[in-house]
Amino acid sequence: MAQVLVRDLDDGIVARLKAMAKAQNISLEQKFRDMAAREVLEVEERFEEISRRSREQTRGSKLDSTALIRADRDR
């Protein structure tokens, strides 16, 4: 497994994260792992939602890009 060293964290932020971790009965290290995993999942979910909306908006489109592609190639 990889390791990450985070430098220059604000002391107040670290203290609050330690308190949160203690309240959850987990280590500060586990708190960081949980936060990182949650962030990755949220970003992927947002991407999937944006992709889904894009597909819905273009479904059934009558646009034929063939002429545009040929014109671009002929430049």
PDB file of N, CA and C in Angstrom:
ATOM      1  N   MET A   1       0.831  -1.186   0.000  1.00  0.00           N
ATOM      2  CA  MET A   1       0.000   0.000   0.000  1.00  0.00           C
ATOM      3  C   MET A   1       0.879   1.256   0.000  1.00  0.00           C
ATOM      4  N   ALA A   2       0.394   2.277  -0.611  1.00  0.00           N
ATOM      5  CA  ALA A   2       1.134   3.538  -0.686  1.00  0.00           C
ATOM      6  C   ALA A   2       1.014   4.318   0.618  1.00  0.00           C
ATOM      7  N   GLN A   3       1.987   5.197   0.831  1.00  0.00           N
ATOM      8  CA  GLN A   3       1.955   6.095   1.968  1.00  0.00           C
ATOM      9  C   GLN A   3       2.017   7.522   1.456  1.00  0.00           C
ATOM     10  N   VAL A   4       1.366   8.423   2.181  1.00  0.00           N
ATOM     11  CA  VAL A   4       1.345   9.824   1.805  1.00  0.00           C
ATOM     12  C   VAL A   4       1.721  10.651   3.031  1.00  0.00           C
ATOM     13  N   LEU A   5       2.625  11.578   2.859  1.00  0.00           N
ATOM     14  CA  LEU A   5       3.007  12.501   3.914  1.00  0.00           C
ATOM     15  C   LEU A   5       2.401  13.856   3.565  1.00  0.00           C
ATOM     16  N   VAL A   6       1.625  14.402   4.477  1.00  0.00           N
ATOM     17  CA  VAL A   6       0.987  15.704   4.242  1.00  0.00           C
ATOM     18  C   VAL A   6       1.673  16.724   5.136  1.00  0.00           C
ATOM     19  N   ARG A   7       2.281  17.704   4.518  1.00  0.00           N
ATOM     20  CA  ARG A   7       3.009  18.737   5.264  1.00  0.00           C
ATOM     21  C   ARG A   7       2.190  20.016   5.345  1.00  0.00           C
ATOM     22  N   ASP A   8       2.542  20.821   6.296  1.00  0.00           N
ATOM     23  CA  ASP A   8       2.007  22.183   6.455  1.00  0.00           C
ATOM     24  C   ASP A   8       0.495  22.223   6.671  1.00  0.00           C
ATOM     25  N   LEU A   9      -0.018  21.256   7.418  1.00  0.00           N
ATOM     26  CA  LEU A   9      -1.425  21.316   7.791  1.00  0.00           C
ATOM     27  C   LEU A   9      -1.585  22.284   8.952  1.00  0.00           C
ATOM     28  N   ASP A  10      -2.628  23.054   8.926  1.00  0.00           N
ATOM     29  CA  ASP A  10      -2.917  23.987  10.003  1.00  0.00           C
ATOM     30  C   ASP A  10      -3.135  23.208  11.306  1.00  0.00           C
ATOM     31  N   ASP A  11      -2.505  23.665  12.382  1.00  0.00           N
ATOM     32  CA  ASP A  11      -2.613  22.975  13.671  1.00  0.00           C
ATOM     33  C   ASP A  11      -4.062  22.869  14.142  1.00  0.00           C
ATOM     34  N   GLY A  12      -4.835  23.904  13.886  1.00  0.00           N
ATOM     35  CA  GLY A  12      -6.241  23.886  14.297  1.00  0.00           C
ATOM     36  C   GLY A  12      -7.033  22.820  13.557  1.00  0.00           C
ATOM     37  N   ILE A  13      -6.745  22.672  12.273  1.00  0.00           N
ATOM     38  CA  ILE A  13      -7.421  21.647  11.463  1.00  0.00           C
ATOM     39  C   ILE A  13      -7.048  20.262  11.975  1.00  0.00           C
ATOM     40  N   VAL A  14      -5.771  20.062  12.247  1.00  0.00           N
ATOM     41  CA  VAL A  14      -5.321  18.757  12.748  1.00  0.00           C
ATOM     42  C   VAL A  14      -5.991  18.446  14.081  1.00  0.00           C
ATOM     43  N   ALA A  15      -6.066  19.432  14.958  1.00  0.00           N
ATOM     44  CA  ALA A  15      -6.708  19.220  16.262  1.00  0.00           C
ATOM     45  C   ALA A  15      -8.173  18.845  16.092  1.00  0.00           C
ATOM     46  N   ARG A  16      -8.855  19.513  15.190  1.00  0.00           N
ATOM     47  CA  ARG A  16     -10.274  19.200  14.963  1.00  0.00           C
ATOM     48  C   ARG A  16     -10.442  17.814  14.350  1.00  0.00           C
ATOM     49  N   LEU A  17      -9.548  17.459  13.419  1.00  0.00           N
ATOM     50  CA  LEU A  17      -9.617  16.121  12.826  1.00  0.00           C
ATOM     51  C   LEU A  17      -9.332  15.043  13.868  1.00  0.00           C
ATOM     52  N   LYS A  18      -8.381  15.303  14.759  1.00  0.00           N
ATOM     53  CA  LYS A  18      -8.096  14.348  15.830  1.00  0.00           C
ATOM     54  C   LYS A  18      -9.311  14.165  16.721  1.00  0.00           C
ATOM     55  N   ALA A  19      -9.975  15.273  17.040  1.00  0.00           N
ATOM     56  CA  ALA A  19     -11.178  15.194  17.880  1.00  0.00           C
ATOM     57  C   ALA A  19     -12.280  14.413  17.174  1.00  0.00           C
ATOM     58  N   MET A  20     -12.433  14.640  15.886  1.00  0.00           N
ATOM     59  CA  MET A  20     -13.447  13.908  15.110  1.00  0.00           C
ATOM     60  C   MET A  20     -13.120  12.422  15.088  1.00  0.00           C
ATOM     61  N   ALA A  21     -11.853  12.103  14.866  1.00  0.00           N
ATOM     62  CA  ALA A  21     -11.432  10.706  14.826  1.00  0.00           C
ATOM     63  C   ALA A  21     -11.670  10.041  16.185  1.00  0.00           C
ATOM     64  N   LYS A  22     -11.316  10.748  17.246  1.00  0.00           N
ATOM     65  CA  LYS A  22     -11.510  10.206  18.593  1.00  0.00           C
ATOM     66  C   LYS A  22     -12.991   9.951  18.862  1.00  0.00           C
ATOM     67  N   ALA A  23     -13.853  10.879  18.435  1.00  0.00           N
ATOM     68  CA  ALA A  23     -15.297  10.728  18.627  1.00  0.00           C
ATOM     69  C   ALA A  23     -15.832   9.509  17.873  1.00  0.00           C
ATOM     70  N   GLN A  24     -15.185   9.176  16.761  1.00  0.00           N
ATOM     71  CA  GLN A  24     -15.589   8.016  15.962  1.00  0.00           C
ATOM     72  C   GLN A  24     -14.842   6.757  16.384  1.00  0.00           C
ATOM     73  N   ASN A  25     -13.976   6.918  17.385  1.00  0.00           N
ATOM     74  CA  ASN A  25     -13.185   5.799  17.904  1.00  0.00           C
ATOM     75  C   ASN A  25     -12.294   5.178  16.827  1.00  0.00           C
ATOM     76  N   ILE A  26     -11.695   6.046  16.023  1.00  0.00           N
ATOM     77  CA  ILE A  26     -10.754   5.614  14.993  1.00  0.00           C
ATOM     78  C   ILE A  26      -9.499   6.475  15.096  1.00  0.00           C
ATOM     79  N   SER A  27      -8.436   6.033  14.457  1.00  0.00           N
ATOM     80  CA  SER A  27      -7.193   6.806  14.459  1.00  0.00           C
ATOM     81  C   SER A  27      -7.290   7.965  13.472  1.00  0.00           C
ATOM     82  N   LEU A  28      -6.406   8.931  13.660  1.00  0.00           N
ATOM     83  CA  LEU A  28      -6.334  10.051  12.717  1.00  0.00           C
ATOM     84  C   LEU A  28      -5.978   9.530  11.326  1.00  0.00           C
ATOM     85  N   GLU A  29      -5.104   8.547  11.282  1.00  0.00           N
ATOM     86  CA  GLU A  29      -4.723   7.945  10.011  1.00  0.00           C
ATOM     87  C   GLU A  29      -5.937   7.333   9.310  1.00  0.00           C
ATOM     88  N   GLN A  30      -6.772   6.620  10.066  1.00  0.00           N
ATOM     89  CA  GLN A  30      -7.981   6.026   9.484  1.00  0.00           C
ATOM     90  C   GLN A  30      -8.940   7.109   9.019  1.00  0.00           C
ATOM     91  N   LYS A  31      -9.008   8.209   9.767  1.00  0.00           N
ATOM     92  CA  LYS A  31      -9.870   9.337   9.381  1.00  0.00           C
ATOM     93  C   LYS A  31      -9.444   9.867   8.013  1.00  0.00           C
ATOM     94  N   PHE A  32      -8.130  10.019   7.811  1.00  0.00           N
ATOM     95  CA  PHE A  32      -7.636  10.484   6.511  1.00  0.00           C
ATOM     96  C   PHE A  32      -7.950   9.477   5.408  1.00  0.00           C
ATOM     97  N   ARG A  33      -7.784   8.195   5.692  1.00  0.00           N
ATOM     98  CA  ARG A  33      -8.109   7.173   4.676  1.00  0.00           C
ATOM     99  C   ARG A  33      -9.579   7.247   4.295  1.00  0.00           C
ATOM    100  N   ASP A  34     -10.435   7.364   5.303  1.00  0.00           N
ATOM    101  CA  ASP A  34     -11.874   7.446   5.046  1.00  0.00           C
ATOM    102  C   ASP A  34     -12.228   8.682   4.226  1.00  0.00           C
ATOM    103  N   MET A  35     -11.610   9.822   4.580  1.00  0.00           N
ATOM    104  CA  MET A  35     -11.890  11.059   3.848  1.00  0.00           C
ATOM    105  C   MET A  35     -11.434  10.961   2.399  1.00  0.00           C
ATOM    106  N   ALA A  36     -10.264  10.382   2.171  1.00  0.00           N
ATOM    107  CA  ALA A  36      -9.743  10.247   0.809  1.00  0.00           C
ATOM    108  C   ALA A  36     -10.629   9.327  -0.016  1.00  0.00           C
ATOM    109  N   ALA A  37     -11.034   8.204   0.565  1.00  0.00           N
ATOM    110  CA  ALA A  37     -11.893   7.256  -0.158  1.00  0.00           C
ATOM    111  C   ALA A  37     -13.238   7.894  -0.491  1.00  0.00           C
ATOM    112  N   ARG A  38     -13.797   8.626   0.464  1.00  0.00           N
ATOM    113  CA  ARG A  38     -15.093   9.278   0.240  1.00  0.00           C
ATOM    114  C   ARG A  38     -14.988  10.316  -0.877  1.00  0.00           C
ATOM    115  N   GLU A  39     -13.900  11.075  -0.895  1.00  0.00           N
ATOM    116  CA  GLU A  39     -13.709  12.090  -1.935  1.00  0.00           C
ATOM    117  C   GLU A  39     -13.638  11.454  -3.321  1.00  0.00           C
ATOM    118  N   VAL A  40     -12.894  10.362  -3.439  1.00  0.00           N
ATOM    119  CA  VAL A  40     -12.779   9.671  -4.726  1.00  0.00           C
ATOM    120  C   VAL A  40     -14.151   9.190  -5.191  1.00  0.00           C
ATOM    121  N   LEU A  41     -14.902   8.579  -4.293  1.00  0.00           N
ATOM    122  CA  LEU A  41     -16.224   8.073  -4.661  1.00  0.00           C
ATOM    123  C   LEU A  41     -17.162   9.206  -5.074  1.00  0.00           C
ATOM    124  N   GLU A  42     -17.110  10.330  -4.348  1.00  0.00           N
ATOM    125  CA  GLU A  42     -17.974  11.472  -4.685  1.00  0.00           C
ATOM    126  C   GLU A  42     -17.621  12.041  -6.054  1.00  0.00           C
ATOM    127  N   VAL A  43     -16.343  12.150  -6.365  1.00  0.00           N
ATOM    128  CA  VAL A  43     -15.925  12.669  -7.673  1.00  0.00           C
ATOM    129  C   VAL A  43     -16.405  11.728  -8.779  1.00  0.00           C
ATOM    130  N   GLU A  44     -16.239  10.432  -8.572  1.00  0.00           N
ATOM    131  CA  GLU A  44     -16.700   9.467  -9.573  1.00  0.00           C
ATOM    132  C   GLU A  44     -18.210   9.517  -9.751  1.00  0.00           C
ATOM    133  N   GLU A  45     -18.946   9.672  -8.648  1.00  0.00           N
ATOM    134  CA  GLU A  45     -20.404   9.760  -8.748  1.00  0.00           C
ATOM    135  C   GLU A  45     -20.827  11.016  -9.496  1.00  0.00           C
ATOM    136  N   ARG A  46     -20.146  12.153  -9.227  1.00  0.00           N
ATOM    137  CA  ARG A  46     -20.477  13.389  -9.955  1.00  0.00           C
ATOM    138  C   ARG A  46     -20.195  13.224 -11.441  1.00  0.00           C
ATOM    139  N   PHE A  47     -19.065  12.600 -11.785  1.00  0.00           N
ATOM    140  CA  PHE A  47     -18.731  12.369 -13.191  1.00  0.00           C
ATOM    141  C   PHE A  47     -19.785  11.499 -13.857  1.00  0.00           C
ATOM    142  N   GLU A  48     -20.174  10.433 -13.182  1.00  0.00           N
ATOM    143  CA  GLU A  48     -21.188   9.540 -13.744  1.00  0.00           C
ATOM    144  C   GLU A  48     -22.518  10.266 -13.946  1.00  0.00           C
ATOM    145  N   GLU A  49     -22.888  11.129 -13.011  1.00  0.00           N
ATOM    146  CA  GLU A  49     -24.138  11.887 -13.135  1.00  0.00           C
ATOM    147  C   GLU A  49     -24.069  12.863 -14.307  1.00  0.00           C
ATOM    148  N   ILE A  50     -22.944  13.552 -14.440  1.00  0.00           N
ATOM    149  CA  ILE A  50     -22.783  14.490 -15.559  1.00  0.00           C
ATOM    150  C   ILE A  50     -22.812  13.733 -16.878  1.00  0.00           C
ATOM    151  N   SER A  51     -22.166  12.581 -16.932  1.00  0.00           N
ATOM    152  CA  SER A  51     -22.158  11.765 -18.150  1.00  0.00           C
ATOM    153  C   SER A  51     -23.558  11.283 -18.485  1.00  0.00           C
ATOM    154  N   ARG A  52     -24.297  10.861 -17.467  1.00  0.00           N
ATOM    155  CA  ARG A  52     -25.667  10.380 -17.685  1.00  0.00           C
ATOM    156  C   ARG A  52     -26.533  11.499 -18.259  1.00  0.00           C
ATOM    157  N   ARG A  53     -26.424  12.704 -17.669  1.00  0.00           N
ATOM    158  CA  ARG A  53     -27.214  13.834 -18.164  1.00  0.00           C
ATOM    159  C   ARG A  53     -26.839  14.190 -19.595  1.00  0.00           C
ATOM    160  N   SER A  54     -25.550  14.131 -19.904  1.00  0.00           N
ATOM    161  CA  SER A  54     -25.091  14.436 -21.256  1.00  0.00           C
ATOM    162  C   SER A  54     -25.658  13.433 -22.258  1.00  0.00           C
ATOM    163  N   ARG A  55     -25.628  12.161 -21.890  1.00  0.00           N
ATOM    164  CA  ARG A  55     -26.198  11.133 -22.783  1.00  0.00           C
ATOM    165  C   ARG A  55     -27.697  11.350 -22.985  1.00  0.00           C
ATOM    166  N   GLU A  56     -28.400  11.712 -21.921  1.00  0.00           N
ATOM    167  CA  GLU A  56     -29.839  11.951 -22.042  1.00  0.00           C
ATOM    168  C   GLU A  56     -30.129  13.142 -22.943  1.00  0.00           C
ATOM    169  N   GLN A  57     -29.323  14.193 -22.836  1.00  0.00           N
ATOM    170  CA  GLN A  57     -29.548  15.393 -23.634  1.00  0.00           C
ATOM    171  C   GLN A  57     -29.272  15.164 -25.116  1.00  0.00           C
ATOM    172  N   THR A  58     -28.364  14.240 -25.421  1.00  0.00           N
ATOM    173  CA  THR A  58     -28.013  14.025 -26.823  1.00  0.00           C
ATOM    174  C   THR A  58     -28.683  12.791 -27.423  1.00  0.00           C
ATOM    175  N   ARG A  59     -29.423  12.065 -26.620  1.00  0.00           N
ATOM    176  CA  ARG A  59     -30.114  10.872 -27.125  1.00  0.00           C
ATOM    177  C   ARG A  59     -31.127  11.279 -28.194  1.00  0.00           C
ATOM    178  N   GLY A  60     -31.118  10.585 -29.282  1.00  0.00           N
ATOM    179  CA  GLY A  60     -32.070  10.860 -30.352  1.00  0.00           C
ATOM    180  C   GLY A  60     -31.709  12.071 -31.188  1.00  0.00           C
ATOM    181  N   SER A  61     -30.505  12.567 -31.047  1.00  0.00           N
ATOM    182  CA  SER A  61     -30.081  13.742 -31.798  1.00  0.00           C
ATOM    183  C   SER A  61     -30.027  13.418 -33.283  1.00  0.00           C
ATOM    184  N   LYS A  62     -30.463  14.355 -34.086  1.00  0.00           N
ATOM    185  CA  LYS A  62     -30.456  14.192 -35.543  1.00  0.00           C
ATOM    186  C   LYS A  62     -29.172  14.737 -36.152  1.00  0.00           C
ATOM    187  N   LEU A  63     -28.271  15.219 -35.312  1.00  0.00           N
ATOM    188  CA  LEU A  63     -27.027  15.804 -35.788  1.00  0.00           C
ATOM    189  C   LEU A  63     -26.137  14.725 -36.398  1.00  0.00           C
ATOM    190  N   ASP A  64     -25.703  14.970 -37.638  1.00  0.00           N
ATOM    191  CA  ASP A  64     -24.760  14.078 -38.294  1.00  0.00           C
ATOM    192  C   ASP A  64     -23.445  14.845 -38.433  1.00  0.00           C
ATOM    193  N   SER A  65     -22.453  14.421 -37.708  1.00  0.00           N
ATOM    194  CA  SER A  65     -21.189  15.152 -37.681  1.00  0.00           C
ATOM    195  C   SER A  65     -20.263  14.799 -38.841  1.00  0.00           C
ATOM    196  N   THR A  66     -20.680  13.921 -39.715  1.00  0.00           N
ATOM    197  CA  THR A  66     -19.820  13.486 -40.816  1.00  0.00           C
ATOM    198  C   THR A  66     -19.351  14.661 -41.662  1.00  0.00           C
ATOM    199  N   ALA A  67     -20.256  15.536 -42.046  1.00  0.00           N
ATOM    200  CA  ALA A  67     -19.903  16.685 -42.881  1.00  0.00           C
ATOM    201  C   ALA A  67     -18.935  17.615 -42.147  1.00  0.00           C
ATOM    202  N   LEU A  68     -19.147  17.806 -40.837  1.00  0.00           N
ATOM    203  CA  LEU A  68     -18.266  18.665 -40.059  1.00  0.00           C
ATOM    204  C   LEU A  68     -16.856  18.076 -39.981  1.00  0.00           C
ATOM    205  N   ILE A  69     -16.772  16.780 -39.810  1.00  0.00           N
ATOM    206  CA  ILE A  69     -15.477  16.113 -39.724  1.00  0.00           C
ATOM    207  C   ILE A  69     -14.747  16.201 -41.056  1.00  0.00           C
ATOM    208  N   ARG A  70     -15.472  15.989 -42.159  1.00  0.00           N
ATOM    209  CA  ARG A  70     -14.846  16.070 -43.474  1.00  0.00           C
ATOM    210  C   ARG A  70     -14.363  17.480 -43.756  1.00  0.00           C
ATOM    211  N   ALA A  71     -15.162  18.474 -43.405  1.00  0.00           N
ATOM    212  CA  ALA A  71     -14.764  19.879 -43.620  1.00  0.00           C
ATOM    213  C   ALA A  71     -13.518  20.205 -42.815  1.00  0.00           C
ATOM    214  N   ASP A  72     -13.443  19.689 -41.608  1.00  0.00           N
ATOM    215  CA  ASP A  72     -12.281  19.937 -40.762  1.00  0.00           C
ATOM    216  C   ASP A  72     -11.035  19.286 -41.349  1.00  0.00           C
ATOM    217  N   ARG A  73     -11.193  18.083 -41.879  1.00  0.00           N
ATOM    218  CA  ARG A  73     -10.055  17.369 -42.486  1.00  0.00           C
ATOM    219  C   ARG A  73      -9.561  18.059 -43.749  1.00  0.00           C
ATOM    220  N   ASP A  74     -10.478  18.695 -44.482  1.00  0.00           N
ATOM    221  CA  ASP A  74     -10.123  19.343 -45.742  1.00  0.00           C
ATOM    222  C   ASP A  74      -9.406  20.667 -45.537  1.00  0.00           C
ATOM    223  N   ARG A  75      -9.374  21.179 -44.330  1.00  0.00           N
ATOM    224  CA  ARG A  75      -8.715  22.466 -44.076  1.00  0.00           C
ATOM    225  C   ARG A  75      -7.240  22.400 -44.264  1.00  0.00           C
TER     226      ARG A  75
END
